[in-house]
Amino acid sequence: MSVGQFILQLTGISLLNLGLLFIFSWIPGLADHLSLGWISLGFFFFFTIVLYLLGQLFIKMSNPNAFTGLNLLFILVKLFASIVLVGVYVKTSNPTDYKFIFPFFLTYLLFTIYETYMLIQIGKTK
């Protein structure tokens, strides 16, 4: 996957996420928790860039297990960081219902699908 393709696709997935968060702003109950969605968007955007750069580096290594190890490590790091992010949000904003998780989950899901696709494309280049 070239840098141009990556930038175009990352821009597309980010704009899709922005549009869906904008739609969430019109839904009562969800609009109150959009700050978690915006924070998540920035977090996963940065996370995806780091994963792409490391993926491009690790795919060129002579050890064929390095790229797979990177994938597993990033799954764990992303999961742990997501738990921390949601935990900090819950502690700081004290949400009164479960609806606060929807903007976060939307962003998490969209970026996870894209990251999986991206890593498959990077893996095919070797």
N, C-alpha and C. Protein backbone atom coordinates (compact mmCIF):
# COMPACT_ATOMS: atom_id res chain seq x y z
N MET A 1 0.85 -1.17 0.00
CA MET A 1 0.00 0.00 0.00
C MET A 1 0.89 1.24 0.00
N SER A 2 0.66 2.09 -0.96
CA SER A 2 1.48 3.30 -1.06
C SER A 2 1.03 4.34 -0.03
N VAL A 3 1.89 5.31 0.19
CA VAL A 3 1.57 6.39 1.14
C VAL A 3 0.34 7.16 0.65
N GLY A 4 0.26 7.41 -0.66
CA GLY A 4 -0.88 8.13 -1.21
C GLY A 4 -2.19 7.39 -0.99
N GLN A 5 -2.19 6.08 -1.22
CA GLN A 5 -3.39 5.29 -0.97
C GLN A 5 -3.78 5.34 0.51
N PHE A 6 -2.77 5.22 1.37
CA PHE A 6 -3.03 5.25 2.80
C PHE A 6 -3.65 6.58 3.21
N ILE A 7 -3.09 7.68 2.76
CA ILE A 7 -3.61 9.00 3.13
C ILE A 7 -5.03 9.18 2.62
N LEU A 8 -5.28 8.77 1.39
CA LEU A 8 -6.62 8.88 0.82
C LEU A 8 -7.63 8.05 1.60
N GLN A 9 -7.27 6.81 1.91
CA GLN A 9 -8.19 5.93 2.64
C GLN A 9 -8.39 6.40 4.08
N LEU A 10 -7.33 6.84 4.73
CA LEU A 10 -7.46 7.33 6.10
C LEU A 10 -8.31 8.60 6.14
N THR A 11 -8.15 9.45 5.15
CA THR A 11 -8.99 10.64 5.06
C THR A 11 -10.45 10.25 4.87
N GLY A 12 -10.70 9.27 4.01
CA GLY A 12 -12.07 8.81 3.76
C GLY A 12 -12.72 8.23 5.00
N ILE A 13 -12.02 7.37 5.71
CA ILE A 13 -12.60 6.76 6.91
C ILE A 13 -12.80 7.81 8.00
N SER A 14 -11.91 8.78 8.07
CA SER A 14 -12.06 9.84 9.06
C SER A 14 -13.25 10.74 8.74
N LEU A 15 -13.44 11.06 7.46
CA LEU A 15 -14.60 11.87 7.06
C LEU A 15 -15.91 11.12 7.29
N LEU A 16 -15.91 9.82 7.02
CA LEU A 16 -17.09 9.00 7.31
C LEU A 16 -17.41 9.04 8.80
N ASN A 17 -16.38 8.90 9.62
CA ASN A 17 -16.56 8.94 11.07
C ASN A 17 -17.07 10.31 11.51
N LEU A 18 -16.49 11.37 10.95
CA LEU A 18 -16.96 12.73 11.27
C LEU A 18 -18.43 12.91 10.93
N GLY A 19 -18.82 12.42 9.76
CA GLY A 19 -20.22 12.52 9.36
C GLY A 19 -21.15 11.78 10.30
N LEU A 20 -20.75 10.58 10.71
CA LEU A 20 -21.58 9.81 11.63
C LEU A 20 -21.64 10.46 13.01
N LEU A 21 -20.53 11.03 13.46
CA LEU A 21 -20.55 11.75 14.74
C LEU A 21 -21.44 12.99 14.64
N PHE A 22 -21.43 13.63 13.48
CA PHE A 22 -22.31 14.78 13.28
C PHE A 22 -23.77 14.35 13.36
N ILE A 23 -24.10 13.21 12.75
CA ILE A 23 -25.46 12.68 12.84
C ILE A 23 -25.81 12.36 14.29
N PHE A 24 -24.85 11.81 15.04
CA PHE A 24 -25.07 11.52 16.46
C PHE A 24 -25.40 12.79 17.24
N SER A 25 -24.89 13.93 16.79
CA SER A 25 -25.13 15.18 17.52
C SER A 25 -26.60 15.59 17.47
N TRP A 26 -27.36 15.01 16.57
CA TRP A 26 -28.79 15.33 16.45
C TRP A 26 -29.66 14.35 17.23
N ILE A 27 -29.06 13.30 17.77
CA ILE A 27 -29.83 12.28 18.49
C ILE A 27 -29.80 12.59 19.98
N PRO A 28 -30.98 12.79 20.56
CA PRO A 28 -31.01 13.07 22.00
C PRO A 28 -30.38 11.92 22.81
N GLY A 29 -29.61 12.29 23.79
CA GLY A 29 -28.94 11.29 24.61
C GLY A 29 -27.53 11.00 24.15
N LEU A 30 -27.31 11.04 22.84
CA LEU A 30 -25.97 10.80 22.30
C LEU A 30 -25.18 12.10 22.18
N ALA A 31 -25.87 13.18 21.95
CA ALA A 31 -25.20 14.47 21.77
C ALA A 31 -24.42 14.88 23.02
N ASP A 32 -24.88 14.43 24.17
CA ASP A 32 -24.21 14.79 25.42
C ASP A 32 -22.85 14.11 25.57
N HIS A 33 -22.62 13.06 24.82
CA HIS A 33 -21.40 12.26 24.99
C HIS A 33 -20.49 12.30 23.77
N LEU A 34 -20.66 13.29 22.92
CA LEU A 34 -19.84 13.34 21.71
C LEU A 34 -18.38 13.64 21.99
N SER A 35 -18.07 14.20 23.13
CA SER A 35 -16.67 14.49 23.43
C SER A 35 -15.83 13.22 23.41
N LEU A 36 -16.39 12.10 23.88
CA LEU A 36 -15.66 10.83 23.81
C LEU A 36 -15.46 10.40 22.36
N GLY A 37 -16.42 10.68 21.51
CA GLY A 37 -16.28 10.36 20.09
C GLY A 37 -15.18 11.16 19.42
N TRP A 38 -15.12 12.47 19.74
CA TRP A 38 -14.08 13.33 19.14
C TRP A 38 -12.70 12.92 19.63
N ILE A 39 -12.58 12.65 20.93
CA ILE A 39 -11.30 12.21 21.48
C ILE A 39 -10.88 10.89 20.86
N SER A 40 -11.84 9.98 20.70
CA SER A 40 -11.56 8.68 20.10
C SER A 40 -11.10 8.83 18.65
N LEU A 41 -11.74 9.73 17.93
CA LEU A 41 -11.36 9.95 16.53
C LEU A 41 -9.90 10.39 16.44
N GLY A 42 -9.52 11.36 17.26
CA GLY A 42 -8.12 11.81 17.26
C GLY A 42 -7.16 10.71 17.68
N PHE A 43 -7.54 9.96 18.70
CA PHE A 43 -6.69 8.88 19.20
C PHE A 43 -6.48 7.80 18.13
N PHE A 44 -7.56 7.32 17.53
CA PHE A 44 -7.44 6.25 16.54
C PHE A 44 -6.81 6.74 15.24
N PHE A 45 -7.00 8.00 14.90
CA PHE A 45 -6.34 8.57 13.72
C PHE A 45 -4.82 8.51 13.91
N PHE A 46 -4.35 9.00 15.04
CA PHE A 46 -2.92 8.96 15.35
C PHE A 46 -2.43 7.51 15.43
N PHE A 47 -3.19 6.67 16.08
CA PHE A 47 -2.84 5.25 16.26
C PHE A 47 -2.67 4.56 14.90
N THR A 48 -3.56 4.85 13.97
CA THR A 48 -3.51 4.23 12.64
C THR A 48 -2.28 4.68 11.87
N ILE A 49 -1.91 5.94 11.99
CA ILE A 49 -0.70 6.43 11.32
C ILE A 49 0.53 5.71 11.85
N VAL A 50 0.63 5.57 13.17
CA VAL A 50 1.76 4.86 13.78
C VAL A 50 1.79 3.41 13.31
N LEU A 51 0.62 2.77 13.28
CA LEU A 51 0.55 1.37 12.85
C LEU A 51 0.98 1.22 11.38
N TYR A 52 0.57 2.15 10.53
CA TYR A 52 0.97 2.10 9.12
C TYR A 52 2.48 2.22 8.98
N LEU A 53 3.06 3.19 9.66
CA LEU A 53 4.51 3.40 9.56
C LEU A 53 5.29 2.20 10.08
N LEU A 54 4.86 1.67 11.22
CA LEU A 54 5.54 0.48 11.76
C LEU A 54 5.31 -0.74 10.88
N GLY A 55 4.11 -0.85 10.32
CA GLY A 55 3.83 -1.97 9.41
C GLY A 55 4.73 -1.94 8.20
N GLN A 56 4.94 -0.76 7.63
CA GLN A 56 5.84 -0.62 6.48
C GLN A 56 7.27 -0.99 6.86
N LEU A 57 7.66 -0.69 8.07
CA LEU A 57 9.01 -1.01 8.54
C LEU A 57 9.15 -2.51 8.83
N PHE A 58 8.18 -3.08 9.52
CA PHE A 58 8.27 -4.48 9.93
C PHE A 58 8.11 -5.45 8.77
N ILE A 59 7.40 -5.09 7.72
CA ILE A 59 7.20 -6.00 6.59
C ILE A 59 8.51 -6.22 5.83
N LYS A 60 9.44 -5.29 5.98
CA LYS A 60 10.72 -5.39 5.27
C LYS A 60 11.76 -6.19 6.06
N MET A 61 11.45 -6.56 7.29
CA MET A 61 12.40 -7.30 8.11
C MET A 61 12.55 -8.73 7.59
N SER A 62 13.73 -9.30 7.84
CA SER A 62 13.98 -10.66 7.38
C SER A 62 13.22 -11.70 8.19
N ASN A 63 12.87 -11.37 9.42
CA ASN A 63 12.10 -12.29 10.26
C ASN A 63 10.63 -12.23 9.86
N PRO A 64 10.08 -13.33 9.32
CA PRO A 64 8.68 -13.29 8.87
C PRO A 64 7.68 -13.17 10.03
N ASN A 65 8.12 -13.47 11.23
CA ASN A 65 7.22 -13.38 12.39
C ASN A 65 7.14 -11.97 12.97
N ALA A 66 8.01 -11.08 12.54
CA ALA A 66 8.04 -9.72 13.09
C ALA A 66 6.74 -8.97 12.77
N PHE A 67 6.26 -9.10 11.54
CA PHE A 67 5.04 -8.41 11.14
C PHE A 67 3.83 -8.95 11.91
N THR A 68 3.75 -10.25 12.07
CA THR A 68 2.67 -10.86 12.84
C THR A 68 2.74 -10.44 14.31
N GLY A 69 3.94 -10.39 14.84
CA GLY A 69 4.13 -9.95 16.22
C GLY A 69 3.69 -8.51 16.41
N LEU A 70 3.99 -7.68 15.43
CA LEU A 70 3.54 -6.28 15.48
C LEU A 70 2.02 -6.20 15.54
N ASN A 71 1.36 -7.00 14.71
CA ASN A 71 -0.11 -7.00 14.70
C ASN A 71 -0.67 -7.39 16.06
N LEU A 72 -0.13 -8.45 16.63
CA LEU A 72 -0.61 -8.90 17.95
C LEU A 72 -0.34 -7.86 19.03
N LEU A 73 0.84 -7.26 18.99
CA LEU A 73 1.18 -6.24 19.97
C LEU A 73 0.23 -5.04 19.87
N PHE A 74 -0.06 -4.62 18.65
CA PHE A 74 -0.93 -3.45 18.47
C PHE A 74 -2.37 -3.75 18.87
N ILE A 75 -2.81 -4.99 18.69
CA ILE A 75 -4.15 -5.36 19.16
C ILE A 75 -4.23 -5.20 20.67
N LEU A 76 -3.22 -5.69 21.37
CA LEU A 76 -3.21 -5.57 22.83
C LEU A 76 -3.08 -4.13 23.29
N VAL A 77 -2.19 -3.38 22.66
CA VAL A 77 -2.01 -1.98 23.04
C VAL A 77 -3.28 -1.18 22.78
N LYS A 78 -3.91 -1.42 21.64
CA LYS A 78 -5.13 -0.70 21.30
C LYS A 78 -6.24 -1.04 22.28
N LEU A 79 -6.37 -2.31 22.63
CA LEU A 79 -7.40 -2.72 23.58
C LEU A 79 -7.16 -2.09 24.94
N PHE A 80 -5.93 -2.15 25.43
CA PHE A 80 -5.61 -1.57 26.73
C PHE A 80 -5.81 -0.05 26.72
N ALA A 81 -5.34 0.61 25.67
CA ALA A 81 -5.49 2.06 25.58
C ALA A 81 -6.97 2.45 25.49
N SER A 82 -7.77 1.65 24.82
CA SER A 82 -9.20 1.93 24.72
C SER A 82 -9.88 1.80 26.08
N ILE A 83 -9.51 0.78 26.83
CA ILE A 83 -10.07 0.60 28.17
C ILE A 83 -9.70 1.79 29.05
N VAL A 84 -8.45 2.22 28.96
CA VAL A 84 -8.01 3.38 29.75
C VAL A 84 -8.75 4.63 29.32
N LEU A 85 -8.90 4.84 28.02
CA LEU A 85 -9.59 6.02 27.50
C LEU A 85 -11.04 6.08 28.01
N VAL A 86 -11.75 4.96 27.89
CA VAL A 86 -13.14 4.92 28.35
C VAL A 86 -13.19 5.07 29.88
N GLY A 87 -12.27 4.44 30.58
CA GLY A 87 -12.23 4.55 32.03
C GLY A 87 -12.01 5.98 32.50
N VAL A 88 -11.09 6.67 31.86
CA VAL A 88 -10.84 8.07 32.22
C VAL A 88 -12.07 8.92 31.92
N TYR A 89 -12.72 8.66 30.81
CA TYR A 89 -13.94 9.41 30.47
C TYR A 89 -15.02 9.18 31.53
N VAL A 90 -15.22 7.93 31.93
CA VAL A 90 -16.24 7.61 32.93
C VAL A 90 -15.92 8.30 34.25
N LYS A 91 -14.65 8.28 34.66
CA LYS A 91 -14.26 8.91 35.92
C LYS A 91 -14.42 10.43 35.88
N THR A 92 -14.11 11.04 34.74
CA THR A 92 -14.14 12.51 34.68
C THR A 92 -15.52 13.07 34.38
N SER A 93 -16.35 12.36 33.60
CA SER A 93 -17.64 12.95 33.25
C SER A 93 -18.83 12.30 33.94
N ASN A 94 -18.63 11.21 34.63
CA ASN A 94 -19.71 10.54 35.36
C ASN A 94 -21.00 10.41 34.55
N PRO A 95 -20.96 9.66 33.44
CA PRO A 95 -22.17 9.52 32.62
C PRO A 95 -23.28 8.81 33.41
N THR A 96 -24.51 9.22 33.15
CA THR A 96 -25.65 8.66 33.88
C THR A 96 -26.28 7.46 33.19
N ASP A 97 -25.91 7.22 31.95
CA ASP A 97 -26.46 6.07 31.23
C ASP A 97 -25.36 5.43 30.38
N TYR A 98 -25.71 4.37 29.70
CA TYR A 98 -24.76 3.61 28.89
C TYR A 98 -24.54 4.19 27.50
N LYS A 99 -25.30 5.18 27.11
CA LYS A 99 -25.24 5.72 25.74
C LYS A 99 -23.90 6.38 25.41
N PHE A 100 -23.12 6.69 26.44
CA PHE A 100 -21.84 7.35 26.20
C PHE A 100 -20.90 6.49 25.37
N ILE A 101 -21.10 5.19 25.36
CA ILE A 101 -20.17 4.28 24.69
C ILE A 101 -20.40 4.24 23.18
N PHE A 102 -21.57 4.64 22.68
CA PHE A 102 -21.87 4.53 21.25
C PHE A 102 -20.92 5.33 20.35
N PRO A 103 -20.66 6.60 20.64
CA PRO A 103 -19.70 7.33 19.78
C PRO A 103 -18.31 6.69 19.80
N PHE A 104 -17.88 6.23 20.97
CA PHE A 104 -16.58 5.56 21.05
C PHE A 104 -16.59 4.27 20.25
N PHE A 105 -17.62 3.45 20.43
CA PHE A 105 -17.67 2.16 19.76
C PHE A 105 -17.73 2.31 18.25
N LEU A 106 -18.46 3.31 17.78
CA LEU A 106 -18.51 3.58 16.34
C LEU A 106 -17.12 3.85 15.79
N THR A 107 -16.39 4.72 16.46
CA THR A 107 -15.04 5.06 16.02
C THR A 107 -14.11 3.86 16.11
N TYR A 108 -14.19 3.13 17.21
CA TYR A 108 -13.37 1.94 17.40
C TYR A 108 -13.62 0.93 16.28
N LEU A 109 -14.88 0.69 15.98
CA LEU A 109 -15.24 -0.29 14.96
C LEU A 109 -14.76 0.13 13.57
N LEU A 110 -15.02 1.37 13.18
CA LEU A 110 -14.61 1.84 11.86
C LEU A 110 -13.09 1.76 11.68
N PHE A 111 -12.36 2.22 12.68
CA PHE A 111 -10.90 2.20 12.55
C PHE A 111 -10.32 0.80 12.65
N THR A 112 -10.94 -0.09 13.41
CA THR A 112 -10.47 -1.47 13.49
C THR A 112 -10.66 -2.17 12.15
N ILE A 113 -11.79 -1.96 11.52
CA ILE A 113 -12.03 -2.54 10.19
C ILE A 113 -11.00 -2.00 9.21
N TYR A 114 -10.78 -0.69 9.22
CA TYR A 114 -9.80 -0.11 8.30
C TYR A 114 -8.39 -0.60 8.59
N GLU A 115 -8.00 -0.66 9.84
CA GLU A 115 -6.64 -1.11 10.19
C GLU A 115 -6.42 -2.56 9.75
N THR A 116 -7.44 -3.40 9.89
CA THR A 116 -7.32 -4.79 9.44
C THR A 116 -7.11 -4.84 7.94
N TYR A 117 -7.91 -4.08 7.20
CA TYR A 117 -7.76 -4.02 5.75
C TYR A 117 -6.36 -3.50 5.37
N MET A 118 -5.93 -2.45 6.05
CA MET A 118 -4.64 -1.84 5.76
C MET A 118 -3.50 -2.84 6.00
N LEU A 119 -3.55 -3.54 7.11
CA LEU A 119 -2.49 -4.50 7.41
C LEU A 119 -2.48 -5.68 6.43
N ILE A 120 -3.65 -6.09 5.98
CA ILE A 120 -3.71 -7.14 4.96
C ILE A 120 -3.04 -6.65 3.67
N GLN A 121 -3.33 -5.41 3.29
CA GLN A 121 -2.71 -4.85 2.08
C GLN A 121 -1.19 -4.72 2.23
N ILE A 122 -0.74 -4.31 3.39
CA ILE A 122 0.70 -4.22 3.63
C ILE A 122 1.33 -5.60 3.59
N GLY A 123 0.65 -6.58 4.20
CA GLY A 123 1.17 -7.94 4.22
C GLY A 123 1.28 -8.57 2.84
N LYS A 124 0.42 -8.16 1.93
CA LYS A 124 0.45 -8.69 0.56
C LYS A 124 1.62 -8.16 -0.25
N THR A 125 2.24 -7.07 0.21
CA THR A 125 3.32 -6.46 -0.57
C THR A 125 4.61 -7.26 -0.51
N LYS A 126 4.75 -8.11 0.50
CA LYS A 126 6.01 -8.83 0.62
C LYS A 126 6.08 -9.99 -0.32
